[in-house]
C-alpha atoms as a PDB file:
ATOM      1  CA  MET A   1      82.848 117.640 112.097  1.00  0.00           C
ATOM      2  CA  ASN A   2      83.411 114.896 114.633  1.00  0.00           C
ATOM      3  CA  VAL A   3      86.689 115.409 116.502  1.00  0.00           C
ATOM      4  CA  VAL A   4      88.296 112.467 118.309  1.00  0.00           C
ATOM      5  CA  CYS A   5      90.997 112.758 120.978  1.00  0.00           C
ATOM      6  CA  SER A   6      92.633 109.871 122.790  1.00  0.00           C
ATOM      7  CA  LEU A   7      94.128 110.561 126.218  1.00  0.00           C
ATOM      8  CA  CYS A   8      97.085 108.639 127.705  1.00  0.00           C
ATOM      9  CA  PRO A   9      99.003 109.233 130.982  1.00  0.00           C
ATOM     10  CA  HIS A  10     101.925 111.083 129.375  1.00  0.00           C
ATOM     11  CA  GLU A  11      99.481 113.389 127.543  1.00  0.00           C
ATOM     12  CA  LEU A  12      97.671 114.861 130.557  1.00  0.00           C
ATOM     13  CA  GLU A  13      99.703 118.085 130.606  1.00  0.00           C
ATOM     14  CA  MET A  14      99.383 118.441 126.823  1.00  0.00           C
ATOM     15  CA  ALA A  15      95.623 117.896 127.068  1.00  0.00           C
ATOM     16  CA  HIS A  16      95.202 120.639 129.678  1.00  0.00           C
ATOM     17  CA  ARG A  17      97.095 123.077 127.456  1.00  0.00           C
ATOM     18  CA  TRP A  18      95.189 121.984 124.337  1.00  0.00           C
ATOM     19  CA  PHE A  19      91.699 122.402 125.803  1.00  0.00           C
ATOM     20  CA  ASP A  20      92.627 125.730 127.421  1.00  0.00           C
ATOM     21  CA  TRP A  21      93.735 126.987 124.009  1.00  0.00           C
ATOM     22  CA  VAL A  22      90.716 125.628 122.127  1.00  0.00           C
ATOM     23  CA  THR A  23      88.437 127.348 124.666  1.00  0.00           C
ATOM     24  CA  GLU A  24      90.207 130.651 123.937  1.00  0.00           C
ATOM     25  CA  LEU A  25      90.319 130.097 120.191  1.00  0.00           C
ATOM     26  CA  GLY A  26      86.745 128.937 119.645  1.00  0.00           C
ATOM     27  CA  GLY A  27      85.527 127.559 116.351  1.00  0.00           C
ATOM     28  CA  THR A  28      83.926 124.473 117.883  1.00  0.00           C
ATOM     29  CA  GLN A  29      80.271 125.473 117.593  1.00  0.00           C
ATOM     30  CA  GLY A  30      78.349 122.884 115.589  1.00  0.00           C
ATOM     31  CA  HIS A  31      81.131 120.336 116.006  1.00  0.00           C
ATOM     32  CA  HIS A  32      81.276 117.363 118.339  1.00  0.00           C
ATOM     33  CA  LEU A  33      84.071 115.936 120.491  1.00  0.00           C
ATOM     34  CA  PHE A  34      84.611 112.266 121.292  1.00  0.00           C
ATOM     35  CA  LEU A  35      87.128 111.559 124.059  1.00  0.00           C
ATOM     36  CA  LEU A  36      88.746 108.181 124.727  1.00  0.00           C
ATOM     37  CA  PRO A  37      90.773 108.171 127.973  1.00  0.00           C
ATOM     38  CA  CYS A  38      92.946 105.072 128.205  1.00  0.00           C
ATOM     39  CA  ALA A  39      91.908 102.639 130.926  1.00  0.00           C
ATOM     40  CA  GLN A  40      94.906 103.480 133.136  1.00  0.00           C
ATOM     41  CA  ILE A  41      93.756 107.086 133.709  1.00  0.00           C
ATOM     42  CA  ALA A  42      89.978 106.836 133.449  1.00  0.00           C
ATOM     43  CA  ALA A  43      89.616 108.221 136.991  1.00  0.00           C
ATOM     44  CA  GLU A  44      92.123 111.073 136.503  1.00  0.00           C
ATOM     45  CA  ALA A  45      90.440 112.185 133.285  1.00  0.00           C
ATOM     46  CA  SER A  46      87.551 113.984 135.055  1.00  0.00           C
ATOM     47  CA  GLU A  47      89.338 117.373 135.055  1.00  0.00           C
ATOM     48  CA  ILE A  48      90.099 116.999 131.370  1.00  0.00           C
ATOM     49  CA  HIS A  49      86.466 116.126 130.677  1.00  0.00           C
ATOM     50  CA  VAL A  50      85.364 119.373 132.381  1.00  0.00           C
ATOM     51  CA  LYS A  51      87.740 121.404 130.208  1.00  0.00           C
ATOM     52  CA  ALA A  52      86.681 119.464 127.112  1.00  0.00           C
ATOM     53  CA  THR A  53      83.031 120.251 127.796  1.00  0.00           C
ATOM     54  CA  LYS A  54      83.869 123.928 128.216  1.00  0.00           C
ATOM     55  CA  ALA A  55      85.739 123.917 124.893  1.00  0.00           C
ATOM     56  CA  PHE A  56      83.168 121.985 122.844  1.00  0.00           C
ATOM     57  CA  GLY A  57      79.923 122.298 124.758  1.00  0.00           C
ATOM     58  CA  HIS A  58      79.233 118.573 124.665  1.00  0.00           C
ATOM     59  CA  VAL A  59      81.539 115.558 124.886  1.00  0.00           C
ATOM     60  CA  THR A  60      80.864 111.888 124.190  1.00  0.00           C
ATOM     61  CA  GLY A  61      83.079 109.389 125.981  1.00  0.00           C
ATOM     62  CA  ILE A  62      84.368 106.208 124.348  1.00  0.00           C
ATOM     63  CA  LYS A  63      85.437 103.436 126.708  1.00  0.00           C
ATOM     64  CA  ASP A  64      88.877 101.861 126.380  1.00  0.00           C
ATOM     65  CA  TYR A  65      88.153  98.128 126.362  1.00  0.00           C
ATOM     66  CA  GLU A  66      91.663  96.973 125.488  1.00  0.00           C
ATOM     67  CA  GLY A  67      93.795  98.861 128.023  1.00  0.00           C
ATOM     68  CA  GLU A  68      96.812  98.533 125.735  1.00  0.00           C
ATOM     69  CA  ILE A  69     100.015 100.364 126.680  1.00  0.00           C
ATOM     70  CA  SER A  70     103.372 100.640 124.918  1.00  0.00           C
ATOM     71  CA  ASP A  71     106.608 102.618 124.771  1.00  0.00           C
ATOM     72  CA  TRP A  72     105.473 104.793 121.854  1.00  0.00           C
ATOM     73  CA  GLN A  73     106.243 108.012 123.747  1.00  0.00           C
ATOM     74  CA  ASP A  74     109.954 107.088 123.892  1.00  0.00           C
ATOM     75  CA  THR A  75     112.313 108.887 121.535  1.00  0.00           C
ATOM     76  CA  GLN A  76     114.061 105.760 120.276  1.00  0.00           C
ATOM     77  CA  PRO A  77     113.379 104.934 116.605  1.00  0.00           C
ATOM     78  CA  ALA A  78     112.549 101.313 117.507  1.00  0.00           C
ATOM     79  CA  ARG A  79     109.385 101.433 119.598  1.00  0.00           C
ATOM     80  CA  SER A  80     105.942  99.882 119.671  1.00  0.00           C
ATOM     81  CA  ALA A  81     102.829 101.774 118.558  1.00  0.00           C
ATOM     82  CA  ALA A  82     100.532  99.259 120.261  1.00  0.00           C
ATOM     83  CA  GLY A  83      99.080 101.867 122.656  1.00  0.00           C
ATOM     84  CA  PRO A  84      97.970 104.550 120.169  1.00  0.00           C
ATOM     85  CA  ASN A  85      97.028 101.848 117.644  1.00  0.00           C
ATOM     86  CA  SER A  86      94.633 100.338 120.175  1.00  0.00           C
ATOM     87  CA  SER A  87      92.900 103.676 120.755  1.00  0.00           C
ATOM     88  CA  PHE A  88      92.666 104.395 117.024  1.00  0.00           C
ATOM     89  CA  ARG A  89      91.336 100.909 116.266  1.00  0.00           C
ATOM     90  CA  GLN A  90      88.600 101.144 118.904  1.00  0.00           C
ATOM     91  CA  VAL A  91      87.533 104.569 117.639  1.00  0.00           C
ATOM     92  CA  ALA A  92      87.383 103.311 114.049  1.00  0.00           C
ATOM     93  CA  TRP A  93      85.102 100.417 114.992  1.00  0.00           C
ATOM     94  CA  HIS A  94      82.971 102.673 117.227  1.00  0.00           C
ATOM     95  CA  PHE A  95      82.232 105.057 114.338  1.00  0.00           C
ATOM     96  CA  PHE A  96      81.676 102.156 111.936  1.00  0.00           C
ATOM     97  CA  GLN A  97      79.375 100.267 114.286  1.00  0.00           C
ATOM     98  CA  PHE A  98      77.179 103.268 115.150  1.00  0.00           C
ATOM     99  CA  LYS A  99      77.373 105.009 111.756  1.00  0.00           C
ATOM    100  CA  LEU A 100      78.477 108.346 113.219  1.00  0.00           C
ATOM    101  CA  GLY A 101      79.952 109.847 110.057  1.00  0.00           C
ATOM    102  CA  PRO A 102      83.508 110.934 109.237  1.00  0.00           C
ATOM    103  CA  TRP A 103      85.866 111.909 112.053  1.00  0.00           C
ATOM    104  CA  PHE A 104      89.008 113.970 112.595  1.00  0.00           C
ATOM    105  CA  TRP A 105      91.645 112.104 114.614  1.00  0.00           C
ATOM    106  CA  CYS A 106      93.445 114.875 116.508  1.00  0.00           C
ATOM    107  CA  GLU A 107      96.302 114.243 118.918  1.00  0.00           C
ATOM    108  CA  PHE A 108      97.111 116.721 121.690  1.00  0.00           C
ATOM    109  CA  ASP A 109     100.335 117.805 120.003  1.00  0.00           C
ATOM    110  CA  CYS A 110      98.297 118.749 116.911  1.00  0.00           C
ATOM    111  CA  ILE A 111      97.485 122.383 117.619  1.00  0.00           C
ATOM    112  CA  PRO A 112      94.679 124.433 116.015  1.00  0.00           C
ATOM    113  CA  THR A 113      95.990 127.703 114.582  1.00  0.00           C
ATOM    114  CA  LYS A 114      92.849 129.398 113.178  1.00  0.00           C
ATOM    115  CA  ARG A 115      89.462 130.240 114.682  1.00  0.00           C
ATOM    116  CA  ASP A 116      87.630 128.496 111.840  1.00  0.00           C
ATOM    117  CA  TRP A 117      89.841 125.380 111.919  1.00  0.00           C
ATOM    118  CA  LEU A 118      87.020 122.845 112.073  1.00  0.00           C
ATOM    119  CA  ASP A 119      84.780 124.643 109.573  1.00  0.00           C
ATOM    120  CA  ARG A 120      87.669 124.714 107.102  1.00  0.00           C
ATOM    121  CA  LEU A 121      88.516 121.039 107.604  1.00  0.00           C
ATOM    122  CA  GLU A 122      84.855 120.087 107.193  1.00  0.00           C
ATOM    123  CA  THR A 123      84.544 122.137 104.005  1.00  0.00           C
ATOM    124  CA  GLN A 124      87.654 120.669 102.460  1.00  0.00           C
ATOM    125  CA  TYR A 125      86.605 117.160 103.446  1.00  0.00           C
ATOM    126  CA  ARG A 126      83.425 117.672 101.426  1.00  0.00           C
ATOM    127  CA  ILE A 127      85.596 118.684  98.479  1.00  0.00           C
ATOM    128  CA  ALA A 128      87.671 115.532  98.997  1.00  0.00           C
ATOM    129  CA  VAL A 129      84.622 113.258  99.020  1.00  0.00           C
ATOM    130  CA  ASN A 130      83.179 115.007  95.968  1.00  0.00           C
ATOM    131  CA  ASN A 131      86.439 114.087  94.240  1.00  0.00           C
ATOM    132  CA  GLY A 132      86.134 110.445  95.268  1.00  0.00           C
ATOM    133  CA  LYS A 133      88.659 110.694  98.106  1.00  0.00           C
ATOM    134  CA  PRO A 134      87.323 109.622 101.534  1.00  0.00           C
ATOM    135  CA  PHE A 135      90.531 110.521 103.437  1.00  0.00           C
ATOM    136  CA  LEU A 136      91.829 114.039 104.143  1.00  0.00           C
ATOM    137  CA  GLY A 137      95.365 114.490 105.440  1.00  0.00           C
ATOM    138  CA  THR A 138      98.839 115.598 104.501  1.00  0.00           C
ATOM    139  CA  ARG A 139     101.423 113.558 102.603  1.00  0.00           C
ATOM    140  CA  VAL A 140     104.346 112.483 104.817  1.00  0.00           C
ATOM    141  CA  LEU A 141     107.716 111.928 103.149  1.00  0.00           C
ATOM    142  CA  ILE A 142     110.482 111.086 105.633  1.00  0.00           C
ATOM    143  CA  ASP A 143     113.840 109.451 104.998  1.00  0.00           C
ATOM    144  CA  LYS A 144     113.806 105.699 105.748  1.00  0.00           C
ATOM    145  CA  VAL A 145     110.059 105.778 106.505  1.00  0.00           C
ATOM    146  CA  PRO A 146     107.461 104.552 103.977  1.00  0.00           C
ATOM    147  CA  GLU A 147     105.348 107.242 102.361  1.00  0.00           C
ATOM    148  CA  HIS A 148     102.055 107.637 104.190  1.00  0.00           C
ATOM    149  CA  MET A 149      99.250 110.032 105.089  1.00  0.00           C
ATOM    150  CA  SER A 150      99.524 111.881 108.385  1.00  0.00           C
ATOM    151  CA  GLY A 151      97.885 110.123 111.315  1.00  0.00           C
ATOM    152  CA  ASN A 152      96.157 113.379 112.256  1.00  0.00           C
ATOM    153  CA  ALA A 153      93.581 113.352 109.483  1.00  0.00           C
ATOM    154  CA  VAL A 154      89.908 113.024 108.640  1.00  0.00           C
ATOM    155  CA  TYR A 155      88.751 109.423 108.243  1.00  0.00           C
ATOM    156  CA  PRO A 156      85.572 107.973 106.738  1.00  0.00           C
ATOM    157  CA  GLN A 157      82.875 106.288 108.765  1.00  0.00           C
ATOM    158  CA  ASP A 158      83.470 102.976 106.961  1.00  0.00           C
ATOM    159  CA  LEU A 159      87.246 102.995 107.520  1.00  0.00           C
ATOM    160  CA  PRO A 160      87.502  99.303 108.547  1.00  0.00           C
ATOM    161  CA  ALA A 161      85.782  98.297 105.302  1.00  0.00           C
ATOM    162  CA  ILE A 162      87.752 100.384 102.803  1.00  0.00           C
ATOM    163  CA  ALA A 163      91.188 100.280 104.470  1.00  0.00           C
ATOM    164  CA  PRO A 164      91.178  97.185 106.708  1.00  0.00           C
ATOM    165  CA  SER A 165      94.966  97.105 107.174  1.00  0.00           C
ATOM    166  CA  ILE A 166      94.862 100.300 109.214  1.00  0.00           C
ATOM    167  CA  VAL A 167      92.826  98.603 111.962  1.00  0.00           C
ATOM    168  CA  MET A 168      94.886  95.400 112.004  1.00  0.00           C
ATOM    169  CA  ARG A 169      98.042  94.708 113.979  1.00  0.00           C
ATOM    170  CA  ALA A 170     101.211  94.673 111.872  1.00  0.00           C
ATOM    171  CA  GLU A 171     104.722  94.166 113.191  1.00  0.00           C
ATOM    172  CA  TRP A 172     108.213  95.036 112.005  1.00  0.00           C
ATOM    173  CA  THR A 173     111.610  93.792 113.170  1.00  0.00           C
ATOM    174  CA  PRO A 174     114.560  96.224 112.936  1.00  0.00           C
ATOM    175  CA  LYS A 175     117.661  94.624 111.480  1.00  0.00           C
ATOM    176  CA  GLY A 176     119.961  93.120 114.054  1.00  0.00           C
ATOM    177  CA  THR A 177     117.555  93.493 116.979  1.00  0.00           C
ATOM    178  CA  GLY A 178     115.685  90.210 116.948  1.00  0.00           C
ATOM    179  CA  ARG A 179     112.716  92.005 118.483  1.00  0.00           C
ATOM    180  CA  SER A 180     109.418  92.892 116.831  1.00  0.00           C
ATOM    181  CA  TYR A 181     107.471  96.102 117.325  1.00  0.00           C
ATOM    182  CA  GLU A 182     103.921  97.004 116.396  1.00  0.00           C
ATOM    183  CA  LEU A 183     103.863  99.280 113.361  1.00  0.00           C
ATOM    184  CA  ALA A 184     102.044 102.632 113.614  1.00  0.00           C
ATOM    185  CA  PHE A 185      98.575 102.546 112.067  1.00  0.00           C
ATOM    186  CA  ASP A 186      99.281 105.337 109.554  1.00  0.00           C
ATOM    187  CA  ILE A 187     102.172 103.361 108.079  1.00  0.00           C
ATOM    188  CA  ALA A 188     100.472  99.960 108.379  1.00  0.00           C
ATOM    189  CA  GLY A 189      97.512 101.206 106.329  1.00  0.00           C
ATOM    190  CA  ALA A 190      99.447 103.393 103.898  1.00  0.00           C
ATOM    191  CA  LYS A 191      99.065 101.229 100.780  1.00  0.00           C
ATOM    192  CA  GLU A 192      95.280 101.261 101.095  1.00  0.00           C
ATOM    193  CA  VAL A 193      94.933 104.860 102.276  1.00  0.00           C
ATOM    194  CA  ILE A 194      97.235 106.777  99.894  1.00  0.00           C
ATOM    195  CA  PRO A 195      95.277 105.998  96.689  1.00  0.00           C
ATOM    196  CA  GLN A 196      92.096 107.202  98.448  1.00  0.00           C
ATOM    197  CA  ALA A 197      93.584 110.288 100.106  1.00  0.00           C
ATOM    198  CA  PHE A 198      93.021 113.956  99.323  1.00  0.00           C
ATOM    199  CA  PHE A 199      96.173 115.766 100.433  1.00  0.00           C
ATOM    200  CA  THR A 200      95.707 119.179 101.998  1.00  0.00           C
ATOM    201  CA  ASP A 201      97.814 122.087 103.242  1.00  0.00           C
ATOM    202  CA  LEU A 202      95.339 122.703 106.067  1.00  0.00           C
ATOM    203  CA  ILE A 203      97.186 120.094 108.162  1.00  0.00           C
ATOM    204  CA  GLN A 204     100.882 120.910 108.643  1.00  0.00           C
ATOM    205  CA  HIS A 205     103.128 118.046 109.708  1.00  0.00           C
ATOM    206  CA  LYS A 206     106.665 118.593 111.007  1.00  0.00           C
ATOM    207  CA  PHE A 207     108.112 115.238 112.051  1.00  0.00           C
ATOM    208  CA  ARG A 208     109.307 115.264 115.682  1.00  0.00           C
ATOM    209  CA  TYR A 209     109.586 119.049 115.719  1.00  0.00           C
ATOM    210  CA  ASP A 210     111.566 120.247 118.728  1.00  0.00           C
ATOM    211  CA  GLY A 211     109.480 123.363 119.364  1.00  0.00           C
ATOM    212  CA  PHE A 212     109.595 127.052 118.510  1.00  0.00           C
ATOM    213  CA  LYS A 213     112.451 129.002 120.078  1.00  0.00           C
ATOM    214  CA  SER A 214     111.626 132.473 118.753  1.00  0.00           C
ATOM    215  CA  ARG A 215     108.966 134.536 117.037  1.00  0.00           C
ATOM    216  CA  GLN A 216     111.168 134.611 113.957  1.00  0.00           C
ATOM    217  CA  GLU A 217     111.264 130.808 113.850  1.00  0.00           C
ATOM    218  CA  PHE A 218     107.508 130.611 114.351  1.00  0.00           C
ATOM    219  CA  ASP A 219     106.839 132.990 111.453  1.00  0.00           C
ATOM    220  CA  ALA A 220     109.287 131.123 109.217  1.00  0.00           C
ATOM    221  CA  VAL A 221     108.031 127.605 109.981  1.00  0.00           C
ATOM    222  CA  LEU A 222     104.254 127.887 110.360  1.00  0.00           C
ATOM    223  CA  ASP A 223     102.435 127.493 107.045  1.00  0.00           C
ATOM    224  CA  PRO A 224      99.942 130.389 106.772  1.00  0.00           C
ATOM    225  CA  ASN A 225      97.500 128.001 105.065  1.00  0.00           C
ATOM    226  CA  ALA A 226      97.535 125.512 107.944  1.00  0.00           C
ATOM    227  CA  VAL A 227      94.651 125.362 110.418  1.00  0.00           C
ATOM    228  CA  VAL A 228      96.421 122.767 112.619  1.00  0.00           C
ATOM    229  CA  PHE A 229     100.135 122.215 113.293  1.00  0.00           C
ATOM    230  CA  HIS A 230     101.668 118.849 114.225  1.00  0.00           C
ATOM    231  CA  SER A 231     103.675 118.348 116.259  1.00  0.00           C
ATOM    232  CA  ASP A 232     104.569 120.450 119.268  1.00  0.00           C
ATOM    233  CA  LYS A 233     104.658 118.305 122.385  1.00  0.00           C
ATOM    234  CA  LYS A 234     106.225 121.076 124.485  1.00  0.00           C
ATOM    235  CA  GLY A 235     103.494 123.607 123.729  1.00  0.00           C
ATOM    236  CA  THR A 236     105.946 126.280 122.552  1.00  0.00           C
ATOM    237  CA  ILE A 237     103.537 127.347 119.806  1.00  0.00           C
ATOM    238  CA  TYR A 238     100.841 128.644 122.162  1.00  0.00           C
ATOM    239  CA  ARG A 239     102.706 131.820 123.106  1.00  0.00           C
ATOM    240  CA  TYR A 240     102.878 132.968 119.498  1.00  0.00           C
ATOM    241  CA  LEU A 241      99.359 131.859 118.643  1.00  0.00           C
ATOM    242  CA  ARG A 242      98.057 133.893 121.587  1.00  0.00           C
ATOM    243  CA  GLU A 243      99.988 136.904 120.307  1.00  0.00           C
ATOM    244  CA  ASN A 244      98.292 136.407 116.938  1.00  0.00           C
ATOM    245  CA  LEU A 245      94.921 135.974 118.623  1.00  0.00           C
ATOM    246  CA  GLY A 246      95.383 139.292 120.432  1.00  0.00           C
ATOM    247  CA  SER A 247      96.304 141.064 117.206  1.00  0.00           C
ATOM    248  CA  GLY A 248      93.432 139.508 115.271  1.00  0.00           C
ATOM    249  CA  THR A 249      95.651 137.539 112.866  1.00  0.00           C
ATOM    250  CA  VAL A 250      94.305 134.137 113.964  1.00  0.00           C
ATOM    251  CA  SER A 251      91.014 134.767 112.185  1.00  0.00           C
ATOM    252  CA  GLY A 252      92.208 132.878 109.110  1.00  0.00           C
ATOM    253  CA  HIS A 253      91.951 133.209 105.369  1.00  0.00           C
ATOM    254  CA  VAL A 254      90.936 131.073 102.423  1.00  0.00           C
ATOM    255  CA  ALA A 255      93.553 128.415 101.723  1.00  0.00           C
ATOM    256  CA  SER A 256      94.444 127.124  98.296  1.00  0.00           C
ATOM    257  CA  GLY A 257      91.950 124.631  96.905  1.00  0.00           C
ATOM    258  CA  GLU A 258      89.004 125.918  98.968  1.00  0.00           C
ATOM    259  CA  PRO A 259      85.960 127.582  97.419  1.00  0.00           C
ATOM    260  CA  THR A 260      85.620 131.336  97.969  1.00  0.00           C
ATOM    261  CA  ASN A 261      81.937 131.606  97.083  1.00  0.00           C
ATOM    262  CA  GLY A 262      80.503 129.065  99.510  1.00  0.00           C
ATOM    263  CA  SER A 263      79.391 126.868  96.626  1.00  0.00           C
ATOM    264  CA  ILE A 264      80.160 123.604  98.432  1.00  0.00           C
ATOM    265  CA  THR A 265      77.224 123.331 100.804  1.00  0.00           C
ATOM    266  CA  ALA A 266      75.812 119.867 100.326  1.00  0.00           C
ATOM    267  CA  PRO A 267      76.569 117.573 103.287  1.00  0.00           C
ATOM    268  CA  VAL A 268      78.522 114.371 102.898  1.00  0.00           C
ATOM    269  CA  GLY A 269      75.803 111.900 103.842  1.00  0.00           C
ATOM    270  CA  GLU A 270      74.419 113.053 107.162  1.00  0.00           C
ATOM    271  CA  SER A 271      75.837 116.054 108.976  1.00  0.00           C
ATOM    272  CA  PRO A 272      78.462 114.600 111.371  1.00  0.00           C
ATOM    273  CA  HIS A 273      77.522 116.706 114.385  1.00  0.00           C
ATOM    274  CA  GLU A 274      73.785 116.219 113.831  1.00  0.00           C
ATOM    275  CA  THR A 275      74.307 112.471 113.512  1.00  0.00           C
ATOM    276  CA  ALA A 276      76.367 112.296 116.691  1.00  0.00           C
ATOM    277  CA  ALA A 277      73.824 114.310 118.639  1.00  0.00           C
ATOM    278  CA  SER A 278      70.772 112.466 117.365  1.00  0.00           C
ATOM    279  CA  ARG A 279      71.958 108.876 117.627  1.00  0.00           C
ATOM    280  CA  SER A 280      72.315 106.824 120.774  1.00  0.00           C
ATOM    281  CA  GLU A 281      75.534 107.566 122.646  1.00  0.00           C
ATOM    282  CA  LYS A 282      75.564 104.238 124.430  1.00  0.00           C
ATOM    283  CA  THR A 283      79.082 102.828 124.492  1.00  0.00           C
ATOM    284  CA  PRO A 284      79.155  99.474 122.654  1.00  0.00           C
ATOM    285  CA  THR A 285      80.093  96.365 124.556  1.00  0.00           C
ATOM    286  CA  ARG A 286      83.157  94.414 123.538  1.00  0.00           C
ATOM    287  CA  ASP A 287      80.927  91.622 122.197  1.00  0.00           C
ATOM    288  CA  GLU A 288      79.075  94.112 119.977  1.00  0.00           C
ATOM    289  CA  LEU A 289      82.322  95.409 118.564  1.00  0.00           C
ATOM    290  CA  LEU A 290      83.651  91.913 117.944  1.00  0.00           C
ATOM    291  CA  LYS A 291      80.460  90.865 116.166  1.00  0.00           C
ATOM    292  CA  ALA A 292      80.709  93.940 113.935  1.00  0.00           C
ATOM    293  CA  THR A 293      84.351  93.132 113.238  1.00  0.00           C
ATOM    294  CA  VAL A 294      83.642  89.537 112.251  1.00  0.00           C
ATOM    295  CA  ALA A 295      80.671  90.510 110.072  1.00  0.00           C
ATOM    296  CA  THR A 296      82.697  93.110 108.209  1.00  0.00           C
ATOM    297  CA  LEU A 297      85.677  90.811 107.679  1.00  0.00           C
ATOM    298  CA  LYS A 298      83.438  88.053 106.319  1.00  0.00           C
ATOM    299  CA  LYS A 299      82.019  90.542 103.835  1.00  0.00           C
ATOM    300  CA  PHE A 300      85.241  92.112 102.637  1.00  0.00           C
ATOM    301  CA  CYS A 301      87.878  89.374 102.943  1.00  0.00           C
ATOM    302  CA  THR A 302      87.886  87.887  99.426  1.00  0.00           C
ATOM    303  CA  SER A 303      91.615  87.337  98.914  1.00  0.00           C
ATOM    304  CA  PRO A 304      92.743  83.894 100.206  1.00  0.00           C
ATOM    305  CA  ALA A 305      96.063  85.303 101.434  1.00  0.00           C
ATOM    306  CA  TYR A 306      94.377  88.208 103.172  1.00  0.00           C
ATOM    307  CA  THR A 307      91.684  85.970 104.643  1.00  0.00           C
ATOM    308  CA  SER A 308      94.360  83.717 106.124  1.00  0.00           C
ATOM    309  CA  LYS A 309      96.085  86.729 107.684  1.00  0.00           C
ATOM    310  CA  VAL A 310      92.808  87.976 109.151  1.00  0.00           C
ATOM    311  CA  ARG A 311      91.850  84.590 110.596  1.00  0.00           C
ATOM    312  CA  LYS A 312      95.252  84.256 112.235  1.00  0.00           C
ATOM    313  CA  GLU A 313      94.881  87.671 113.872  1.00  0.00           C
ATOM    314  CA  LEU A 314      91.312  86.950 115.039  1.00  0.00           C
ATOM    315  CA  LYS A 315      92.423  83.666 116.594  1.00  0.00           C
ATOM    316  CA  ARG A 316      95.268  85.441 118.352  1.00  0.00           C
ATOM    317  CA  GLN A 317      92.782  87.897 119.830  1.00  0.00           C
ATOM    318  CA  LYS A 318      90.432  84.993 120.712  1.00  0.00           C
ATOM    319  CA  VAL A 319      87.616  86.393 118.596  1.00  0.00           C
ATOM    320  CA  ILE A 320      87.266  83.063 116.791  1.00  0.00           C
ATOM    321  CA  ARG A 321      88.636  79.586 117.485  1.00  0.00           C
END
C-alpha cells in the first residue's frame, strides 16, 4: 500500500507524534511512504524525513510546486481548503502521471490503531476493487454538510480520470458573507466518488473530535474494528494506544467484511509497493504535470458544460490561453 502524507507548518508537532507512534506500532513492512512537505517548510522538514524513514524504511518525496496556503486550520466554519486541496491535487496527478498504483491519503490526525493497519487496508481495498469500487473510505454524514466519503481514504491511480471534480477548484459562498471559499476536495468530488466508493469500518471518522479525556471515553468511542482513527489533533489517543500496545491488545482482529481464510490474494494491477520501488522516483516538473492534465482533460471532457468549466479553470491557472 502506498501511503501519502502532506506536511504543513501547523502539523509539525502532529507529524513528530505520528511518526514516533508508527515506529513503535510497526506494520509498515512492504508498504511505501510518499511525503509532500509544503513549500513554506521544505527546509524544516528534514527532521520529519528522518523519522519517516525510520518508520517506513524508505520515503519518496513529492515537491510542492504550488506553495498554496489557506486558513483551513482555523476553527471557523467558513474557511478555505485551498492549502490541503493543493497538496491533494498534486499528489493525485503525481500518481496518475507515473502510474504508481492506488494510494492511502493519511493526515497526521488520522492515527493508526492496529499493528496490521496497512495490511488490512490493502486487503479490503482489493475486495473493494473486486466489487467494482475503486475508492475505499468511510461514509460521512454531518448536519448541514453534503454527504461524502472521508478525505482519509484509499484512492485509485487514475483518480483525475474517473472523478475529475475532486482535483478541480470549487468555491462556495456562505449566505450573507459576500466572500467565497475554496471547497474541500472530499466534498467537491462527492457526487462522482460516492457511487464508486466501498465504505468500510476500518477507517473511523469523528468530525472535529475534541480528544479523549479518559480511558473510559477511549474504550466507549474507539470502534474495535477500526485500524485508523480520525481525528485527534491533540494526540490524546496515543496514551491509550500505548497502554493497549503494552498489553498486547493492539495486535488486531478480523473486521467485518474481511476474508478469514486469506482467499483474496490476487493483486490489484501491480503491487503498489513494488511499483513504487521499481519505477523512477524522479519528481515531475510542473510542465510535465500540466501536459498530463491537459491530455487527460481532452480525453475525458465530453460534456459541453463540463468542458466550458474546465477551460475556464485552466485559463485561470494559465495552463492554456
